[in-house]
Amino acid sequence: MRTITILLLLIIQTFVFGQSDPAFWVKTGLSKKVNKKFDIDLSLENRWTEGLAFHQTYFGEIGLSFNPNKQFTLSGFYRLINRRKNETSPYNTRHRFFADLSYSKKFGILKLKNRVRYQNQFRDTDNEIAFDKSYLRNKLEFGLDNKSIFEPYISADLFYQMGGGFEEIRWKVGSDIKLTKSHRLDIGGFLSQPIGLNFGNRRFVIDVSYKYRF
């Protein structure tokens, strides 16, 4: 299992560190189990581009998840986003609402996850809120569920802009690391591949996420 995890991390290095000026996304989160069916999640994320030279985006997120059984999860979230185009421009505010329907199933040590997301975003300009854009996304993930602390995975996340068409796909490899029962770390890297006229404008992102469950 360690061999598989090391192999996945080498793939991350090849596709991400092998490129000039990858982006870095760093996320910290809290998850509170209200009862057997409901969880509350809160997280903060910072995003840098051009390596760590340019801090482009930061946002906070809060949501509620409903787990009717072991296979399905229904979630609703609100995200407050602040993003800027360059180092001299101000941060612009966005409000994003999204809902997820997730399904997971184990086949031996193989774990399948499929998440369908609908997201709607609004611009906040001069205290006036206007519609920005909405997407329908489908993320398919295959992981290894085992007794070690490492759970490596691969995934593909497809973006469809409502009223437009297929816009982007994200290919990701990584590993979920169970530090303790309450502390989890996720380290991965993904290639963001535009679809259509901007096919050559790829992004490489190193994605690190920490979550505390209680």
N, C-alpha and C. Protein backbone atom coordinates (compact mmCIF):
# COMPACT_ATOMS: atom_id res chain seq x y z
N MET A 1 0.82 -1.21 0.00
CA MET A 1 0.00 0.00 0.00
C MET A 1 0.86 1.27 0.00
N ARG A 2 1.97 1.25 0.76
CA ARG A 2 2.85 2.41 0.75
C ARG A 2 3.45 2.63 -0.63
N THR A 3 3.71 1.52 -1.32
CA THR A 3 4.26 1.62 -2.67
C THR A 3 3.29 2.34 -3.60
N ILE A 4 1.98 2.00 -3.49
CA ILE A 4 0.97 2.65 -4.32
C ILE A 4 0.89 4.13 -4.00
N THR A 5 0.93 4.47 -2.70
CA THR A 5 0.86 5.87 -2.30
C THR A 5 2.06 6.65 -2.81
N ILE A 6 3.25 6.07 -2.68
CA ILE A 6 4.46 6.73 -3.17
C ILE A 6 4.38 6.94 -4.68
N LEU A 7 3.83 5.94 -5.39
CA LEU A 7 3.67 6.06 -6.83
C LEU A 7 2.75 7.21 -7.19
N LEU A 8 1.64 7.35 -6.46
CA LEU A 8 0.71 8.44 -6.72
C LEU A 8 1.37 9.79 -6.46
N LEU A 9 2.16 9.88 -5.38
CA LEU A 9 2.83 11.13 -5.07
C LEU A 9 3.89 11.47 -6.12
N LEU A 10 4.52 10.45 -6.70
CA LEU A 10 5.46 10.69 -7.79
C LEU A 10 4.74 11.22 -9.03
N ILE A 11 3.52 10.71 -9.25
CA ILE A 11 2.72 11.22 -10.37
C ILE A 11 2.40 12.69 -10.16
N ILE A 12 2.05 13.03 -8.91
CA ILE A 12 1.79 14.43 -8.58
C ILE A 12 3.02 15.28 -8.88
N GLN A 13 4.19 14.79 -8.47
CA GLN A 13 5.42 15.53 -8.71
C GLN A 13 5.68 15.71 -10.20
N THR A 14 5.41 14.67 -10.98
CA THR A 14 5.65 14.73 -12.41
C THR A 14 4.77 15.76 -13.09
N PHE A 15 3.46 15.76 -12.74
CA PHE A 15 2.51 16.62 -13.42
C PHE A 15 2.44 18.02 -12.84
N VAL A 16 2.83 18.17 -11.56
CA VAL A 16 2.68 19.48 -10.92
C VAL A 16 4.02 20.17 -10.73
N PHE A 17 4.92 19.55 -9.96
CA PHE A 17 6.21 20.19 -9.71
C PHE A 17 7.04 20.29 -10.97
N GLY A 18 6.76 19.40 -11.94
CA GLY A 18 7.48 19.44 -13.20
C GLY A 18 7.11 20.63 -14.05
N GLN A 19 6.04 21.34 -13.69
CA GLN A 19 5.60 22.51 -14.43
C GLN A 19 6.08 23.77 -13.73
N SER A 20 6.23 24.84 -14.50
CA SER A 20 6.65 26.11 -13.92
C SER A 20 5.49 26.78 -13.22
N ASP A 21 5.75 27.33 -12.05
CA ASP A 21 4.79 28.13 -11.30
C ASP A 21 3.44 27.45 -11.11
N PRO A 22 3.37 26.32 -10.43
CA PRO A 22 2.07 25.70 -10.15
C PRO A 22 1.31 26.54 -9.12
N ALA A 23 0.01 26.35 -9.06
CA ALA A 23 -0.81 27.01 -8.05
C ALA A 23 -0.85 26.17 -6.78
N PHE A 24 -1.10 26.82 -5.64
CA PHE A 24 -1.20 26.14 -4.36
C PHE A 24 -2.55 26.47 -3.72
N TRP A 25 -3.28 25.44 -3.33
CA TRP A 25 -4.53 25.62 -2.60
C TRP A 25 -4.39 24.96 -1.23
N VAL A 26 -4.64 25.72 -0.17
CA VAL A 26 -4.50 25.21 1.19
C VAL A 26 -5.82 25.44 1.94
N LYS A 27 -6.37 24.36 2.48
CA LYS A 27 -7.68 24.41 3.12
C LYS A 27 -7.63 23.82 4.52
N THR A 28 -8.31 24.46 5.47
CA THR A 28 -8.48 23.92 6.83
C THR A 28 -9.97 23.88 7.14
N GLY A 29 -10.41 22.81 7.82
CA GLY A 29 -11.84 22.68 8.06
C GLY A 29 -12.17 22.01 9.38
N LEU A 30 -13.40 22.23 9.81
CA LEU A 30 -13.97 21.60 10.99
C LEU A 30 -15.25 20.88 10.58
N SER A 31 -15.47 19.71 11.16
CA SER A 31 -16.69 18.96 10.88
C SER A 31 -17.27 18.49 12.21
N LYS A 32 -18.50 18.87 12.47
CA LYS A 32 -19.17 18.53 13.73
C LYS A 32 -20.34 17.59 13.44
N LYS A 33 -20.32 16.42 14.04
CA LYS A 33 -21.41 15.46 13.88
C LYS A 33 -22.52 15.82 14.85
N VAL A 34 -23.65 16.26 14.31
CA VAL A 34 -24.77 16.65 15.16
C VAL A 34 -25.47 15.41 15.72
N ASN A 35 -25.74 14.45 14.84
CA ASN A 35 -26.30 13.15 15.23
C ASN A 35 -25.92 12.14 14.14
N LYS A 36 -26.57 11.00 14.11
CA LYS A 36 -26.21 9.96 13.14
C LYS A 36 -26.50 10.36 11.70
N LYS A 37 -27.37 11.35 11.51
CA LYS A 37 -27.79 11.72 10.15
C LYS A 37 -27.20 13.04 9.65
N PHE A 38 -26.85 13.95 10.56
CA PHE A 38 -26.47 15.30 10.14
C PHE A 38 -25.06 15.68 10.61
N ASP A 39 -24.35 16.40 9.71
CA ASP A 39 -23.04 16.98 10.01
C ASP A 39 -23.04 18.45 9.63
N ILE A 40 -22.31 19.26 10.39
CA ILE A 40 -22.08 20.66 10.05
C ILE A 40 -20.61 20.83 9.71
N ASP A 41 -20.34 21.51 8.58
CA ASP A 41 -18.96 21.70 8.13
C ASP A 41 -18.64 23.18 7.97
N LEU A 42 -17.43 23.55 8.39
CA LEU A 42 -16.94 24.92 8.27
C LEU A 42 -15.50 24.85 7.79
N SER A 43 -15.15 25.67 6.79
CA SER A 43 -13.78 25.62 6.27
C SER A 43 -13.34 26.98 5.76
N LEU A 44 -12.01 27.15 5.70
CA LEU A 44 -11.36 28.35 5.16
C LEU A 44 -10.30 27.89 4.16
N GLU A 45 -10.17 28.61 3.05
CA GLU A 45 -9.19 28.23 2.04
C GLU A 45 -8.49 29.46 1.49
N ASN A 46 -7.19 29.28 1.21
CA ASN A 46 -6.38 30.30 0.55
C ASN A 46 -5.77 29.70 -0.71
N ARG A 47 -5.70 30.51 -1.78
CA ARG A 47 -5.18 30.04 -3.05
C ARG A 47 -4.12 31.00 -3.59
N TRP A 48 -2.98 30.42 -3.97
CA TRP A 48 -1.89 31.19 -4.55
C TRP A 48 -1.65 30.72 -5.99
N THR A 49 -1.28 31.63 -6.86
CA THR A 49 -0.84 31.28 -8.21
C THR A 49 0.61 31.73 -8.37
N GLU A 50 1.21 31.39 -9.52
CA GLU A 50 2.61 31.73 -9.79
C GLU A 50 3.51 31.21 -8.67
N GLY A 51 3.33 29.92 -8.34
CA GLY A 51 4.00 29.37 -7.17
C GLY A 51 3.33 29.93 -5.93
N LEU A 52 4.09 30.55 -5.07
CA LEU A 52 3.53 31.22 -3.88
C LEU A 52 3.67 32.73 -3.99
N ALA A 53 3.89 33.24 -5.20
CA ALA A 53 4.18 34.66 -5.39
C ALA A 53 2.95 35.54 -5.30
N PHE A 54 1.78 35.02 -5.69
CA PHE A 54 0.60 35.87 -5.81
C PHE A 54 -0.58 35.21 -5.08
N HIS A 55 -1.03 35.87 -4.01
CA HIS A 55 -2.21 35.39 -3.27
C HIS A 55 -3.45 35.89 -4.00
N GLN A 56 -4.16 34.99 -4.66
CA GLN A 56 -5.26 35.39 -5.55
C GLN A 56 -6.63 35.33 -4.88
N THR A 57 -6.88 34.29 -4.08
CA THR A 57 -8.23 34.03 -3.58
C THR A 57 -8.21 33.55 -2.14
N TYR A 58 -9.21 34.00 -1.37
CA TYR A 58 -9.48 33.38 -0.07
C TYR A 58 -10.99 33.33 0.11
N PHE A 59 -11.46 32.30 0.81
CA PHE A 59 -12.90 32.19 1.03
C PHE A 59 -13.21 31.38 2.28
N GLY A 60 -14.42 31.61 2.79
CA GLY A 60 -14.96 30.83 3.90
C GLY A 60 -16.21 30.10 3.43
N GLU A 61 -16.46 28.96 4.05
CA GLU A 61 -17.55 28.10 3.58
C GLU A 61 -18.23 27.43 4.77
N ILE A 62 -19.55 27.33 4.72
CA ILE A 62 -20.29 26.63 5.76
C ILE A 62 -21.40 25.82 5.11
N GLY A 63 -21.67 24.64 5.68
CA GLY A 63 -22.68 23.79 5.06
C GLY A 63 -23.22 22.75 6.00
N LEU A 64 -24.29 22.10 5.57
CA LEU A 64 -24.97 21.05 6.33
C LEU A 64 -25.11 19.82 5.44
N SER A 65 -24.78 18.65 6.00
CA SER A 65 -24.86 17.39 5.25
C SER A 65 -25.84 16.44 5.92
N PHE A 66 -26.62 15.75 5.08
CA PHE A 66 -27.59 14.77 5.55
C PHE A 66 -27.19 13.40 5.01
N ASN A 67 -27.07 12.42 5.91
CA ASN A 67 -26.65 11.08 5.55
C ASN A 67 -27.77 10.08 5.85
N PRO A 68 -28.65 9.81 4.88
CA PRO A 68 -29.76 8.89 5.14
C PRO A 68 -29.31 7.45 5.33
N ASN A 69 -28.17 7.09 4.71
CA ASN A 69 -27.60 5.75 4.88
C ASN A 69 -26.10 5.83 4.56
N LYS A 70 -25.44 4.68 4.49
CA LYS A 70 -23.99 4.65 4.29
C LYS A 70 -23.58 5.00 2.87
N GLN A 71 -24.51 4.90 1.92
CA GLN A 71 -24.15 5.12 0.53
C GLN A 71 -24.39 6.56 0.05
N PHE A 72 -25.43 7.22 0.53
CA PHE A 72 -25.82 8.52 0.00
C PHE A 72 -25.60 9.65 1.00
N THR A 73 -25.22 10.81 0.47
CA THR A 73 -25.10 12.03 1.26
C THR A 73 -25.66 13.20 0.45
N LEU A 74 -26.49 14.01 1.08
CA LEU A 74 -27.04 15.21 0.47
C LEU A 74 -26.54 16.41 1.26
N SER A 75 -25.92 17.39 0.56
CA SER A 75 -25.30 18.52 1.24
C SER A 75 -25.71 19.84 0.60
N GLY A 76 -25.71 20.89 1.42
CA GLY A 76 -25.94 22.24 0.94
C GLY A 76 -24.93 23.18 1.56
N PHE A 77 -24.30 24.07 0.75
CA PHE A 77 -23.23 24.93 1.24
C PHE A 77 -23.38 26.37 0.74
N TYR A 78 -22.81 27.28 1.53
CA TYR A 78 -22.66 28.68 1.12
C TYR A 78 -21.17 29.03 1.21
N ARG A 79 -20.66 29.69 0.17
CA ARG A 79 -19.24 30.08 0.13
C ARG A 79 -19.14 31.57 -0.14
N LEU A 80 -18.40 32.30 0.71
CA LEU A 80 -18.11 33.72 0.53
C LEU A 80 -16.70 33.84 -0.02
N ILE A 81 -16.58 34.31 -1.27
CA ILE A 81 -15.32 34.31 -2.00
C ILE A 81 -14.80 35.73 -2.17
N ASN A 82 -13.49 35.91 -1.98
CA ASN A 82 -12.82 37.16 -2.31
C ASN A 82 -11.66 36.84 -3.24
N ARG A 83 -11.68 37.43 -4.43
CA ARG A 83 -10.72 37.09 -5.48
C ARG A 83 -10.28 38.34 -6.22
N ARG A 84 -9.01 38.35 -6.65
CA ARG A 84 -8.51 39.50 -7.42
C ARG A 84 -7.76 39.01 -8.66
N LYS A 85 -7.63 39.89 -9.65
CA LYS A 85 -7.00 39.52 -10.92
C LYS A 85 -5.49 39.61 -10.85
N ASN A 86 -4.95 40.62 -10.13
CA ASN A 86 -3.50 40.79 -10.03
C ASN A 86 -3.16 41.43 -8.70
N GLU A 87 -1.89 41.66 -8.46
CA GLU A 87 -1.43 42.15 -7.16
C GLU A 87 -1.89 43.56 -6.85
N THR A 88 -2.18 44.36 -7.86
CA THR A 88 -2.57 45.75 -7.63
C THR A 88 -4.09 45.95 -7.61
N SER A 89 -4.84 44.96 -8.05
CA SER A 89 -6.30 45.11 -8.09
C SER A 89 -6.91 44.72 -6.76
N PRO A 90 -8.09 45.28 -6.41
CA PRO A 90 -8.75 44.93 -5.15
C PRO A 90 -9.42 43.56 -5.25
N TYR A 91 -9.73 43.01 -4.08
CA TYR A 91 -10.47 41.74 -4.05
C TYR A 91 -11.94 42.02 -4.38
N ASN A 92 -12.49 41.18 -5.24
CA ASN A 92 -13.91 41.25 -5.58
C ASN A 92 -14.65 40.11 -4.89
N THR A 93 -15.85 40.41 -4.43
CA THR A 93 -16.62 39.43 -3.65
C THR A 93 -17.58 38.65 -4.54
N ARG A 94 -17.66 37.34 -4.27
CA ARG A 94 -18.61 36.45 -4.93
C ARG A 94 -19.35 35.66 -3.85
N HIS A 95 -20.60 35.37 -4.11
CA HIS A 95 -21.41 34.53 -3.24
C HIS A 95 -21.77 33.26 -4.01
N ARG A 96 -21.38 32.12 -3.49
CA ARG A 96 -21.66 30.87 -4.19
C ARG A 96 -22.51 29.95 -3.31
N PHE A 97 -23.56 29.43 -3.90
CA PHE A 97 -24.41 28.44 -3.25
C PHE A 97 -24.31 27.14 -4.06
N PHE A 98 -24.12 26.03 -3.38
CA PHE A 98 -24.08 24.78 -4.12
C PHE A 98 -24.65 23.63 -3.31
N ALA A 99 -25.16 22.65 -4.03
CA ALA A 99 -25.75 21.46 -3.43
C ALA A 99 -25.11 20.23 -4.05
N ASP A 100 -24.80 19.24 -3.21
CA ASP A 100 -24.15 18.00 -3.64
C ASP A 100 -25.03 16.80 -3.34
N LEU A 101 -25.02 15.88 -4.27
CA LEU A 101 -25.58 14.55 -4.04
C LEU A 101 -24.46 13.55 -4.29
N SER A 102 -24.06 12.83 -3.23
CA SER A 102 -22.91 11.93 -3.32
C SER A 102 -23.33 10.50 -3.07
N TYR A 103 -22.65 9.60 -3.80
CA TYR A 103 -22.89 8.17 -3.64
C TYR A 103 -21.53 7.48 -3.50
N SER A 104 -21.41 6.57 -2.53
CA SER A 104 -20.17 5.82 -2.35
C SER A 104 -20.48 4.34 -2.14
N LYS A 105 -19.59 3.50 -2.64
CA LYS A 105 -19.79 2.06 -2.55
C LYS A 105 -18.42 1.38 -2.52
N LYS A 106 -18.28 0.37 -1.66
CA LYS A 106 -17.04 -0.38 -1.55
C LYS A 106 -17.15 -1.69 -2.30
N PHE A 107 -16.07 -2.03 -3.00
CA PHE A 107 -15.95 -3.32 -3.68
C PHE A 107 -14.62 -3.92 -3.23
N GLY A 108 -14.64 -4.61 -2.10
CA GLY A 108 -13.39 -5.08 -1.50
C GLY A 108 -12.62 -3.89 -0.97
N ILE A 109 -11.37 -3.73 -1.44
CA ILE A 109 -10.58 -2.56 -1.00
C ILE A 109 -10.79 -1.37 -1.93
N LEU A 110 -11.51 -1.56 -3.03
CA LEU A 110 -11.77 -0.49 -3.97
C LEU A 110 -13.01 0.30 -3.53
N LYS A 111 -12.88 1.61 -3.49
CA LYS A 111 -13.97 2.48 -3.08
C LYS A 111 -14.35 3.41 -4.23
N LEU A 112 -15.61 3.38 -4.62
CA LEU A 112 -16.13 4.23 -5.68
C LEU A 112 -16.93 5.37 -5.08
N LYS A 113 -16.67 6.59 -5.55
CA LYS A 113 -17.45 7.75 -5.13
C LYS A 113 -17.90 8.51 -6.37
N ASN A 114 -19.15 8.95 -6.35
CA ASN A 114 -19.65 9.81 -7.43
C ASN A 114 -20.41 10.97 -6.80
N ARG A 115 -19.98 12.19 -7.16
CA ARG A 115 -20.61 13.39 -6.61
C ARG A 115 -21.14 14.26 -7.73
N VAL A 116 -22.43 14.59 -7.65
CA VAL A 116 -23.05 15.52 -8.59
C VAL A 116 -23.30 16.83 -7.86
N ARG A 117 -22.82 17.92 -8.43
CA ARG A 117 -22.94 19.24 -7.78
C ARG A 117 -23.60 20.24 -8.71
N TYR A 118 -24.54 21.01 -8.15
CA TYR A 118 -25.08 22.18 -8.84
C TYR A 118 -24.66 23.41 -8.06
N GLN A 119 -23.99 24.35 -8.72
CA GLN A 119 -23.53 25.57 -8.05
C GLN A 119 -24.01 26.81 -8.78
N ASN A 120 -24.35 27.82 -7.99
CA ASN A 120 -24.86 29.08 -8.51
C ASN A 120 -24.07 30.20 -7.86
N GLN A 121 -23.57 31.14 -8.65
CA GLN A 121 -22.70 32.18 -8.12
C GLN A 121 -23.21 33.56 -8.48
N PHE A 122 -22.99 34.52 -7.54
CA PHE A 122 -23.44 35.90 -7.72
C PHE A 122 -22.28 36.84 -7.44
N ARG A 123 -22.19 37.93 -8.21
CA ARG A 123 -21.19 38.97 -8.02
C ARG A 123 -21.72 40.02 -7.05
N ASP A 124 -20.83 40.55 -6.23
CA ASP A 124 -21.16 41.64 -5.32
C ASP A 124 -20.32 42.85 -5.72
N THR A 125 -20.90 43.77 -6.51
CA THR A 125 -20.18 44.92 -7.03
C THR A 125 -20.88 46.19 -6.59
N ASP A 126 -20.13 47.04 -5.87
CA ASP A 126 -20.69 48.31 -5.37
C ASP A 126 -21.99 48.08 -4.61
N ASN A 127 -21.98 47.05 -3.75
CA ASN A 127 -23.12 46.69 -2.91
C ASN A 127 -24.35 46.28 -3.70
N GLU A 128 -24.14 45.94 -4.97
CA GLU A 128 -25.23 45.41 -5.79
C GLU A 128 -24.90 43.97 -6.18
N ILE A 129 -25.82 43.06 -5.89
CA ILE A 129 -25.60 41.64 -6.16
C ILE A 129 -26.27 41.27 -7.47
N ALA A 130 -25.50 40.67 -8.37
CA ALA A 130 -26.00 40.27 -9.68
C ALA A 130 -25.57 38.85 -9.99
N PHE A 131 -26.35 38.16 -10.79
CA PHE A 131 -26.02 36.79 -11.16
C PHE A 131 -24.71 36.74 -11.94
N ASP A 132 -23.87 35.75 -11.63
CA ASP A 132 -22.60 35.59 -12.31
C ASP A 132 -22.65 34.39 -13.27
N LYS A 133 -22.69 33.16 -12.73
CA LYS A 133 -22.76 31.96 -13.57
C LYS A 133 -23.10 30.76 -12.70
N SER A 134 -23.52 29.69 -13.36
CA SER A 134 -23.87 28.47 -12.65
C SER A 134 -23.29 27.27 -13.40
N TYR A 135 -23.01 26.21 -12.65
CA TYR A 135 -22.42 25.01 -13.23
C TYR A 135 -23.11 23.76 -12.71
N LEU A 136 -23.07 22.74 -13.53
CA LEU A 136 -23.40 21.39 -13.12
C LEU A 136 -22.11 20.59 -13.24
N ARG A 137 -21.72 19.95 -12.13
CA ARG A 137 -20.44 19.24 -12.10
C ARG A 137 -20.66 17.77 -11.72
N ASN A 138 -19.85 16.92 -12.30
CA ASN A 138 -19.89 15.50 -11.94
C ASN A 138 -18.47 15.02 -11.66
N LYS A 139 -18.25 14.53 -10.45
CA LYS A 139 -16.93 14.07 -10.03
C LYS A 139 -16.97 12.57 -9.75
N LEU A 140 -16.10 11.83 -10.43
CA LEU A 140 -16.00 10.38 -10.25
C LEU A 140 -14.63 10.08 -9.65
N GLU A 141 -14.64 9.30 -8.56
CA GLU A 141 -13.39 9.02 -7.84
C GLU A 141 -13.27 7.54 -7.53
N PHE A 142 -12.05 7.01 -7.70
CA PHE A 142 -11.73 5.64 -7.31
C PHE A 142 -10.61 5.69 -6.28
N GLY A 143 -10.84 5.05 -5.13
CA GLY A 143 -9.84 5.04 -4.08
C GLY A 143 -9.62 3.65 -3.53
N LEU A 144 -8.60 3.51 -2.68
CA LEU A 144 -8.29 2.25 -2.03
C LEU A 144 -8.57 2.39 -0.54
N ASP A 145 -9.51 1.62 -0.04
CA ASP A 145 -9.88 1.63 1.37
C ASP A 145 -9.16 0.47 2.05
N ASN A 146 -8.25 0.77 2.95
CA ASN A 146 -7.40 -0.27 3.54
C ASN A 146 -7.12 0.03 5.00
N LYS A 147 -6.32 -0.81 5.64
CA LYS A 147 -6.07 -0.68 7.07
C LYS A 147 -4.93 0.28 7.39
N SER A 148 -4.21 0.74 6.38
CA SER A 148 -3.14 1.70 6.64
C SER A 148 -3.73 3.09 6.79
N ILE A 149 -2.87 4.04 7.15
CA ILE A 149 -3.35 5.42 7.30
C ILE A 149 -3.51 6.11 5.96
N PHE A 150 -2.99 5.51 4.89
CA PHE A 150 -3.06 6.11 3.56
C PHE A 150 -4.20 5.52 2.75
N GLU A 151 -4.98 6.40 2.11
CA GLU A 151 -6.04 5.98 1.20
C GLU A 151 -5.86 6.72 -0.12
N PRO A 152 -5.02 6.20 -1.02
CA PRO A 152 -4.78 6.87 -2.30
C PRO A 152 -6.01 6.84 -3.19
N TYR A 153 -6.10 7.82 -4.10
CA TYR A 153 -7.27 7.91 -4.99
C TYR A 153 -6.89 8.62 -6.28
N ILE A 154 -7.74 8.42 -7.29
CA ILE A 154 -7.68 9.19 -8.54
C ILE A 154 -9.10 9.68 -8.82
N SER A 155 -9.23 10.83 -9.47
CA SER A 155 -10.58 11.36 -9.74
C SER A 155 -10.59 12.22 -10.98
N ALA A 156 -11.81 12.43 -11.50
CA ALA A 156 -12.04 13.34 -12.63
C ALA A 156 -13.30 14.14 -12.33
N ASP A 157 -13.20 15.46 -12.44
CA ASP A 157 -14.30 16.37 -12.13
C ASP A 157 -14.64 17.16 -13.39
N LEU A 158 -15.84 16.93 -13.94
CA LEU A 158 -16.26 17.53 -15.20
C LEU A 158 -17.19 18.71 -14.94
N PHE A 159 -16.89 19.87 -15.57
CA PHE A 159 -17.67 21.09 -15.40
C PHE A 159 -18.53 21.35 -16.63
N TYR A 160 -19.82 21.57 -16.41
CA TYR A 160 -20.72 21.98 -17.48
C TYR A 160 -21.36 23.31 -17.09
N GLN A 161 -21.08 24.38 -17.86
CA GLN A 161 -21.67 25.68 -17.56
C GLN A 161 -23.08 25.74 -18.12
N MET A 162 -24.04 26.06 -17.25
CA MET A 162 -25.43 26.13 -17.65
C MET A 162 -25.62 27.22 -18.70
N GLY A 163 -26.25 26.84 -19.82
CA GLY A 163 -26.45 27.77 -20.90
C GLY A 163 -25.25 27.91 -21.82
N GLY A 164 -24.16 27.19 -21.51
CA GLY A 164 -22.96 27.27 -22.32
C GLY A 164 -22.56 25.92 -22.88
N GLY A 165 -21.89 25.14 -22.08
CA GLY A 165 -21.45 23.82 -22.51
C GLY A 165 -20.37 23.30 -21.59
N PHE A 166 -19.75 22.19 -21.96
CA PHE A 166 -18.67 21.62 -21.17
C PHE A 166 -17.47 22.56 -21.23
N GLU A 167 -16.94 22.89 -20.05
CA GLU A 167 -15.93 23.95 -19.98
C GLU A 167 -14.58 23.47 -19.47
N GLU A 168 -14.57 22.51 -18.54
CA GLU A 168 -13.31 22.14 -17.88
C GLU A 168 -13.41 20.73 -17.31
N ILE A 169 -12.25 20.06 -17.22
CA ILE A 169 -12.16 18.80 -16.51
C ILE A 169 -10.89 18.82 -15.65
N ARG A 170 -11.02 18.33 -14.43
CA ARG A 170 -9.88 18.29 -13.51
C ARG A 170 -9.51 16.83 -13.24
N TRP A 171 -8.26 16.49 -13.59
CA TRP A 171 -7.73 15.16 -13.33
C TRP A 171 -6.86 15.23 -12.08
N LYS A 172 -7.18 14.42 -11.08
CA LYS A 172 -6.48 14.54 -9.80
C LYS A 172 -6.00 13.19 -9.29
N VAL A 173 -4.83 13.20 -8.66
CA VAL A 173 -4.32 12.05 -7.91
C VAL A 173 -3.92 12.55 -6.53
N GLY A 174 -4.10 11.72 -5.52
CA GLY A 174 -3.75 12.14 -4.17
C GLY A 174 -3.94 11.03 -3.18
N SER A 175 -3.85 11.40 -1.92
CA SER A 175 -4.04 10.42 -0.84
C SER A 175 -4.65 11.10 0.37
N ASP A 176 -5.65 10.45 0.91
CA ASP A 176 -6.23 10.86 2.19
C ASP A 176 -5.41 10.18 3.28
N ILE A 177 -4.99 10.94 4.29
CA ILE A 177 -4.12 10.42 5.35
C ILE A 177 -4.86 10.53 6.67
N LYS A 178 -5.11 9.39 7.31
CA LYS A 178 -5.81 9.36 8.60
C LYS A 178 -4.77 9.51 9.72
N LEU A 179 -4.55 10.74 10.16
CA LEU A 179 -3.56 10.98 11.20
C LEU A 179 -4.00 10.38 12.52
N THR A 180 -5.25 10.67 12.91
CA THR A 180 -5.88 10.07 14.09
C THR A 180 -7.36 9.90 13.75
N LYS A 181 -8.16 9.49 14.72
CA LYS A 181 -9.59 9.34 14.50
C LYS A 181 -10.25 10.66 14.14
N SER A 182 -9.73 11.76 14.68
CA SER A 182 -10.34 13.08 14.47
C SER A 182 -9.61 13.94 13.45
N HIS A 183 -8.34 13.65 13.19
CA HIS A 183 -7.53 14.50 12.32
C HIS A 183 -7.24 13.79 11.00
N ARG A 184 -7.54 14.49 9.89
CA ARG A 184 -7.30 13.92 8.56
C ARG A 184 -6.61 14.96 7.68
N LEU A 185 -5.72 14.46 6.83
CA LEU A 185 -4.98 15.30 5.91
C LEU A 185 -5.14 14.74 4.50
N ASP A 186 -5.38 15.61 3.54
CA ASP A 186 -5.51 15.20 2.15
C ASP A 186 -4.49 15.97 1.32
N ILE A 187 -3.62 15.24 0.64
CA ILE A 187 -2.59 15.85 -0.19
C ILE A 187 -2.75 15.33 -1.61
N GLY A 188 -2.87 16.24 -2.56
CA GLY A 188 -3.05 15.82 -3.95
C GLY A 188 -2.58 16.88 -4.93
N GLY A 189 -2.67 16.53 -6.18
CA GLY A 189 -2.34 17.45 -7.24
C GLY A 189 -3.26 17.20 -8.41
N PHE A 190 -3.71 18.27 -9.07
CA PHE A 190 -4.61 18.06 -10.20
C PHE A 190 -4.23 18.95 -11.38
N LEU A 191 -4.58 18.44 -12.54
CA LEU A 191 -4.42 19.14 -13.80
C LEU A 191 -5.79 19.65 -14.22
N SER A 192 -5.93 20.97 -14.34
CA SER A 192 -7.17 21.58 -14.81
C SER A 192 -7.06 21.79 -16.31
N GLN A 193 -7.87 21.07 -17.06
CA GLN A 193 -7.81 21.09 -18.52
C GLN A 193 -9.06 21.73 -19.11
N PRO A 194 -8.95 22.96 -19.67
CA PRO A 194 -10.13 23.57 -20.33
C PRO A 194 -10.56 22.75 -21.53
N ILE A 195 -11.84 22.84 -21.84
CA ILE A 195 -12.41 22.16 -23.00
C ILE A 195 -12.84 23.20 -24.02
N GLY A 196 -12.51 22.97 -25.28
CA GLY A 196 -12.93 23.88 -26.32
C GLY A 196 -11.80 24.77 -26.81
N LEU A 197 -12.09 26.07 -27.00
CA LEU A 197 -11.14 26.98 -27.62
C LEU A 197 -9.90 27.20 -26.77
N ASN A 198 -10.03 27.08 -25.44
CA ASN A 198 -8.90 27.32 -24.53
C ASN A 198 -8.24 26.02 -24.10
N PHE A 199 -8.26 25.01 -24.96
CA PHE A 199 -7.80 23.67 -24.61
C PHE A 199 -6.35 23.66 -24.11
N GLY A 200 -5.52 24.54 -24.65
CA GLY A 200 -4.11 24.52 -24.28
C GLY A 200 -3.79 25.23 -22.98
N ASN A 201 -4.74 25.96 -22.41
CA ASN A 201 -4.47 26.75 -21.20
C ASN A 201 -4.69 25.90 -19.95
N ARG A 202 -3.73 25.02 -19.66
CA ARG A 202 -3.86 24.12 -18.51
C ARG A 202 -3.31 24.78 -17.25
N ARG A 203 -3.86 24.35 -16.11
CA ARG A 203 -3.35 24.79 -14.81
C ARG A 203 -2.93 23.57 -14.01
N PHE A 204 -1.87 23.73 -13.22
CA PHE A 204 -1.40 22.66 -12.35
C PHE A 204 -1.50 23.14 -10.92
N VAL A 205 -2.18 22.39 -10.09
CA VAL A 205 -2.51 22.84 -8.73
C VAL A 205 -2.09 21.79 -7.71
N ILE A 206 -1.38 22.23 -6.68
CA ILE A 206 -1.10 21.41 -5.51
C ILE A 206 -2.16 21.71 -4.47
N ASP A 207 -2.84 20.69 -4.01
CA ASP A 207 -4.02 20.85 -3.16
C ASP A 207 -3.77 20.15 -1.82
N VAL A 208 -3.77 20.93 -0.73
CA VAL A 208 -3.56 20.38 0.61
C VAL A 208 -4.74 20.76 1.48
N SER A 209 -5.33 19.77 2.15
CA SER A 209 -6.53 20.00 2.96
C SER A 209 -6.39 19.29 4.31
N TYR A 210 -6.71 20.02 5.38
CA TYR A 210 -6.73 19.43 6.74
C TYR A 210 -8.13 19.57 7.32
N LYS A 211 -8.61 18.51 7.96
CA LYS A 211 -9.93 18.56 8.59
C LYS A 211 -9.89 17.93 9.99
N TYR A 212 -10.57 18.60 10.91
CA TYR A 212 -10.73 18.08 12.27
C TYR A 212 -12.18 17.72 12.48
N ARG A 213 -12.46 16.47 12.83
CA ARG A 213 -13.82 15.98 13.08
C ARG A 213 -14.04 15.78 14.57
N PHE A 214 -15.19 16.23 15.04
CA PHE A 214 -15.51 16.03 16.47
C PHE A 214 -17.01 15.93 16.66
